[in-house]
């Protein structure tokens, strides 16, 4: 299968297809983690901001890191209202 007007062949189409299906879950996971971090009532505002910054700027395992450690953090007793 060749798309002559784009000058791409089967290997390029396979690479584009794989890149799309690898990138899409990562983007969905990032949006999911950012939504949870932004809406969480159990985080103080400074912890919420730090988790959002970690999710945005720390590469590779940032989403898994948040889902394991950040999602279930409790507000310290002295700061609960």
Protein backbone atom coordinates (compact mmCIF):
# COMPACT_ATOMS: atom_id res chain seq x y z
CA UNK A 1 0.00 0.00 0.00
CA UNK A 2 1.52 3.26 -1.09
CA UNK A 3 0.22 6.75 -0.69
CA UNK A 4 2.08 8.33 -3.57
CA UNK A 5 0.77 11.85 -3.06
CA UNK A 6 2.23 11.83 0.48
CA UNK A 7 5.29 9.80 -0.52
CA UNK A 8 4.86 7.36 2.35
CA UNK A 9 4.74 3.61 2.13
CA UNK A 10 3.82 0.72 4.37
CA UNK A 11 6.72 1.07 6.86
CA UNK A 12 5.93 4.73 7.46
CA UNK A 13 2.22 3.99 7.89
CA UNK A 14 3.03 1.28 10.45
CA UNK A 15 5.31 3.66 12.38
CA UNK A 16 2.65 6.39 12.38
CA UNK A 17 0.01 3.88 13.50
CA UNK A 18 2.18 2.62 16.38
CA UNK A 19 3.18 6.12 17.41
CA UNK A 20 -0.47 7.15 17.58
CA UNK A 21 -1.51 4.18 19.71
CA UNK A 22 1.44 4.61 22.06
CA UNK A 23 0.94 8.35 22.46
CA UNK A 24 -2.83 8.29 22.92
CA UNK A 25 -2.88 6.25 26.18
CA UNK A 26 -0.12 8.44 27.62
CA UNK A 27 -2.09 11.61 26.90
CA UNK A 28 -5.26 10.09 28.35
CA UNK A 29 -3.39 9.01 31.48
CA UNK A 30 -1.87 12.48 31.91
CA UNK A 31 -5.28 14.16 31.62
CA UNK A 32 -6.76 11.65 34.08
CA UNK A 33 -4.04 12.28 36.67
CA UNK A 34 -4.24 16.06 36.26
CA UNK A 35 -8.02 15.95 36.71
CA UNK A 36 -7.79 13.84 39.86
CA UNK A 37 -5.02 16.03 41.31
CA UNK A 38 -6.90 19.25 40.57
CA UNK A 39 -10.22 18.04 42.02
CA UNK A 40 -8.90 16.18 45.07
CA UNK A 41 -10.33 17.41 48.35
CA UNK A 42 -7.89 15.39 50.46
CA UNK A 43 -4.82 17.40 49.39
CA UNK A 44 -3.78 20.75 50.74
CA UNK A 45 -3.31 23.45 48.13
CA UNK A 46 0.50 23.34 48.28
CA UNK A 47 0.51 19.54 47.86
CA UNK A 48 -2.01 19.82 45.03
CA UNK A 49 0.15 22.35 43.19
CA UNK A 50 3.28 20.27 43.73
CA UNK A 51 1.58 17.12 42.37
CA UNK A 52 0.31 19.02 39.33
CA UNK A 53 3.83 20.31 38.66
CA UNK A 54 5.27 16.81 39.07
CA UNK A 55 2.69 15.37 36.68
CA UNK A 56 3.47 18.06 34.11
CA UNK A 57 7.25 18.27 34.30
CA UNK A 58 8.77 15.04 35.65
CA UNK A 59 9.24 12.62 32.75
CA UNK A 60 8.62 8.90 32.34
CA UNK A 61 6.92 7.48 35.49
CA UNK A 62 5.14 10.61 36.71
CA UNK A 63 1.62 9.27 36.20
CA UNK A 64 2.26 5.98 37.93
CA UNK A 65 4.09 7.85 40.69
CA UNK A 66 1.01 10.00 41.35
CA UNK A 67 -1.44 7.11 41.18
CA UNK A 68 0.61 5.11 43.70
CA UNK A 69 1.66 7.81 46.19
CA UNK A 70 -0.28 11.01 45.60
CA UNK A 71 -3.84 9.92 45.10
CA UNK A 72 -4.48 8.75 48.67
CA UNK A 73 -2.60 11.34 50.70
CA UNK A 74 -4.47 12.61 53.73
CA UNK A 75 -4.67 16.17 55.00
CA UNK A 76 -2.75 16.46 58.27
CA UNK A 77 -5.06 16.66 61.31
CA UNK A 78 -4.05 20.22 62.25
CA UNK A 79 -5.07 21.59 58.83
CA UNK A 80 -8.49 19.90 58.52
CA UNK A 81 -11.44 22.27 58.67
